[in-house]
C-alpha cells in the first residue's frame, strides 16, 4: 500500500480491479480520472463515490478515513454543543 491521502487505491487493489476496469464500471472514459482520485488531486462526486463503495464492498469511511474522522469529530462537537444548549434551556424553563 502507498502513503495515499485516501483508501481508494488500497481498496481497488484489494478488490482485484485495475484502474481501467473501475473506470469502465463507473462509466468514465479515461482511467486517469481514477488515478487523480487515488492520488488526492480530486475527489469523486457523490454518485461515483457511492458506486465505488458498492463496487469495493466498503463504506465511505473506508475510502476516506481521515476525512471521515475529521467530519465526524466536527459533527459530534456540534451535536454535543446543541445537546448542552437544549439541556440548559430545558433547565431554565423548569424554574
C-alpha atoms as a PDB file:
ATOM      1  CA  UNK A   1       0.000   0.000   0.000  1.00  0.00           C
ATOM      2  CA  UNK A   2       1.104   3.519  -0.714  1.00  0.00           C
ATOM      3  CA  UNK A   3       1.070   6.569   1.529  1.00  0.00           C
ATOM      4  CA  UNK A   4      -2.204   7.742  -0.026  1.00  0.00           C
ATOM      5  CA  UNK A   5      -4.458  10.572   1.180  1.00  0.00           C
ATOM      6  CA  UNK A   6      -7.360   8.140   0.942  1.00  0.00           C
ATOM      7  CA  UNK A   7      -8.110   4.430   0.748  1.00  0.00           C
ATOM      8  CA  UNK A   8      -9.142   4.351  -2.899  1.00  0.00           C
ATOM      9  CA  UNK A   9      -6.055   2.676  -4.337  1.00  0.00           C
ATOM     10  CA  UNK A  10      -5.768   0.161  -1.495  1.00  0.00           C
ATOM     11  CA  UNK A  11      -9.431  -0.842  -1.750  1.00  0.00           C
ATOM     12  CA  UNK A  12      -9.228  -1.093  -5.542  1.00  0.00           C
ATOM     13  CA  UNK A  13      -6.232  -3.406  -5.320  1.00  0.00           C
ATOM     14  CA  UNK A  14      -7.798  -5.478  -2.518  1.00  0.00           C
ATOM     15  CA  UNK A  15     -10.891  -5.855  -4.702  1.00  0.00           C
ATOM     16  CA  UNK A  16      -8.779  -7.088  -7.615  1.00  0.00           C
ATOM     17  CA  UNK A  17      -9.541  -4.304 -10.085  1.00  0.00           C
ATOM     18  CA  UNK A  18      -7.238  -2.224 -12.233  1.00  0.00           C
ATOM     19  CA  UNK A  19      -7.912   1.463 -12.924  1.00  0.00           C
ATOM     20  CA  UNK A  20      -9.301   0.792 -16.403  1.00  0.00           C
ATOM     21  CA  UNK A  21     -11.850  -1.700 -15.064  1.00  0.00           C
ATOM     22  CA  UNK A  22     -13.010   0.702 -12.350  1.00  0.00           C
ATOM     23  CA  UNK A  23     -13.365   3.489 -14.922  1.00  0.00           C
ATOM     24  CA  UNK A  24     -15.470   1.211 -17.125  1.00  0.00           C
ATOM     25  CA  UNK A  25     -17.752   0.194 -14.231  1.00  0.00           C
ATOM     26  CA  UNK A  26     -18.274   3.858 -13.359  1.00  0.00           C
ATOM     27  CA  UNK A  27     -18.846   4.955 -16.953  1.00  0.00           C
ATOM     28  CA  UNK A  28     -15.662   7.039 -17.088  1.00  0.00           C
ATOM     29  CA  UNK A  29     -13.855   7.178 -20.421  1.00  0.00           C
ATOM     30  CA  UNK A  30     -10.362   7.915 -19.091  1.00  0.00           C
ATOM     31  CA  UNK A  31      -8.767   5.783 -16.332  1.00  0.00           C
ATOM     32  CA  UNK A  32      -6.535   8.717 -15.384  1.00  0.00           C
ATOM     33  CA  UNK A  33      -9.556  10.126 -13.532  1.00  0.00           C
ATOM     34  CA  UNK A  34      -9.264   7.163 -11.150  1.00  0.00           C
ATOM     35  CA  UNK A  35      -5.546   7.910 -10.734  1.00  0.00           C
ATOM     36  CA  UNK A  36      -6.296  11.544  -9.830  1.00  0.00           C
ATOM     37  CA  UNK A  37      -8.809  10.428  -7.194  1.00  0.00           C
ATOM     38  CA  UNK A  38      -6.407   7.883  -5.739  1.00  0.00           C
ATOM     39  CA  UNK A  39      -3.580  10.412  -5.505  1.00  0.00           C
ATOM     40  CA  UNK A  40      -5.843  13.003  -3.898  1.00  0.00           C
ATOM     41  CA  UNK A  41      -5.714  15.531  -6.755  1.00  0.00           C
ATOM     42  CA  UNK A  42      -9.507  15.475  -6.979  1.00  0.00           C
ATOM     43  CA  UNK A  43     -12.435  13.624  -5.415  1.00  0.00           C
ATOM     44  CA  UNK A  44     -15.278  11.656  -6.946  1.00  0.00           C
ATOM     45  CA  UNK A  45     -18.756  13.142  -6.830  1.00  0.00           C
ATOM     46  CA  UNK A  46     -21.388  11.644  -4.569  1.00  0.00           C
ATOM     47  CA  UNK A  47     -22.811   9.171  -7.087  1.00  0.00           C
ATOM     48  CA  UNK A  48     -19.379   7.956  -8.202  1.00  0.00           C
ATOM     49  CA  UNK A  49     -18.277   7.647  -4.565  1.00  0.00           C
ATOM     50  CA  UNK A  50     -21.311   5.514  -3.742  1.00  0.00           C
ATOM     51  CA  UNK A  51     -20.674   3.371  -6.815  1.00  0.00           C
ATOM     52  CA  UNK A  52     -17.084   2.836  -5.638  1.00  0.00           C
ATOM     53  CA  UNK A  53     -18.379   1.756  -2.231  1.00  0.00           C
ATOM     54  CA  UNK A  54     -20.705  -0.759  -3.862  1.00  0.00           C
ATOM     55  CA  UNK A  55     -18.022  -1.999  -6.275  1.00  0.00           C
ATOM     56  CA  UNK A  56     -15.462  -2.491  -3.494  1.00  0.00           C
ATOM     57  CA  UNK A  57     -17.987  -3.619  -0.868  1.00  0.00           C
ATOM     58  CA  UNK A  58     -16.924  -0.953   1.636  1.00  0.00           C
ATOM     59  CA  UNK A  59     -18.235   2.126   3.447  1.00  0.00           C
ATOM     60  CA  UNK A  60     -17.326   5.733   2.625  1.00  0.00           C
ATOM     61  CA  UNK A  61     -15.282   5.837   5.833  1.00  0.00           C
ATOM     62  CA  UNK A  62     -13.078   3.069   4.405  1.00  0.00           C
ATOM     63  CA  UNK A  63     -12.295   5.115   1.306  1.00  0.00           C
ATOM     64  CA  UNK A  64     -11.712   8.440   3.071  1.00  0.00           C
ATOM     65  CA  UNK A  65     -10.849   7.531   6.682  1.00  0.00           C
ATOM     66  CA  UNK A  66      -9.041  10.764   7.594  1.00  0.00           C
ATOM     67  CA  UNK A  67     -11.710  12.994   6.090  1.00  0.00           C
ATOM     68  CA  UNK A  68     -14.445  10.906   7.696  1.00  0.00           C
ATOM     69  CA  UNK A  69     -12.770  11.167  11.104  1.00  0.00           C
ATOM     70  CA  UNK A  70     -12.365  14.939  10.751  1.00  0.00           C
ATOM     71  CA  UNK A  71     -16.005  15.417   9.753  1.00  0.00           C
ATOM     72  CA  UNK A  72     -17.236  13.030  12.478  1.00  0.00           C
ATOM     73  CA  UNK A  73     -15.308  14.941  15.151  1.00  0.00           C
ATOM     74  CA  UNK A  74     -16.686  18.251  13.873  1.00  0.00           C
ATOM     75  CA  UNK A  75     -20.263  16.975  13.794  1.00  0.00           C
ATOM     76  CA  UNK A  76     -20.030  15.253  17.174  1.00  0.00           C
ATOM     77  CA  UNK A  77     -18.790  18.519  18.680  1.00  0.00           C
ATOM     78  CA  UNK A  78     -21.736  20.395  17.187  1.00  0.00           C
ATOM     79  CA  UNK A  79     -24.183  17.773  18.403  1.00  0.00           C
ATOM     80  CA  UNK A  80     -22.672  17.859  21.881  1.00  0.00           C
ATOM     81  CA  UNK A  81     -22.931  21.673  21.971  1.00  0.00           C
ATOM     82  CA  UNK A  82     -26.528  21.585  20.807  1.00  0.00           C
ATOM     83  CA  UNK A  83     -27.418  18.958  23.388  1.00  0.00           C
ATOM     84  CA  UNK A  84     -25.824  21.069  26.118  1.00  0.00           C
ATOM     85  CA  UNK A  85     -27.717  24.181  24.968  1.00  0.00           C
ATOM     86  CA  UNK A  86     -31.009  22.291  24.905  1.00  0.00           C
ATOM     87  CA  UNK A  87     -30.413  20.875  28.387  1.00  0.00           C
ATOM     88  CA  UNK A  88     -29.572  24.353  29.690  1.00  0.00           C
ATOM     89  CA  UNK A  89     -32.694  25.800  28.065  1.00  0.00           C
ATOM     90  CA  UNK A  90     -34.814  22.988  29.476  1.00  0.00           C
ATOM     91  CA  UNK A  91     -33.442  23.599  32.993  1.00  0.00           C
ATOM     92  CA  UNK A  92     -34.252  27.332  32.733  1.00  0.00           C
ATOM     93  CA  UNK A  93     -37.803  26.506  31.594  1.00  0.00           C
ATOM     94  CA  UNK A  94     -38.357  24.313  34.692  1.00  0.00           C
ATOM     95  CA  UNK A  95     -37.520  27.178  37.072  1.00  0.00           C
END
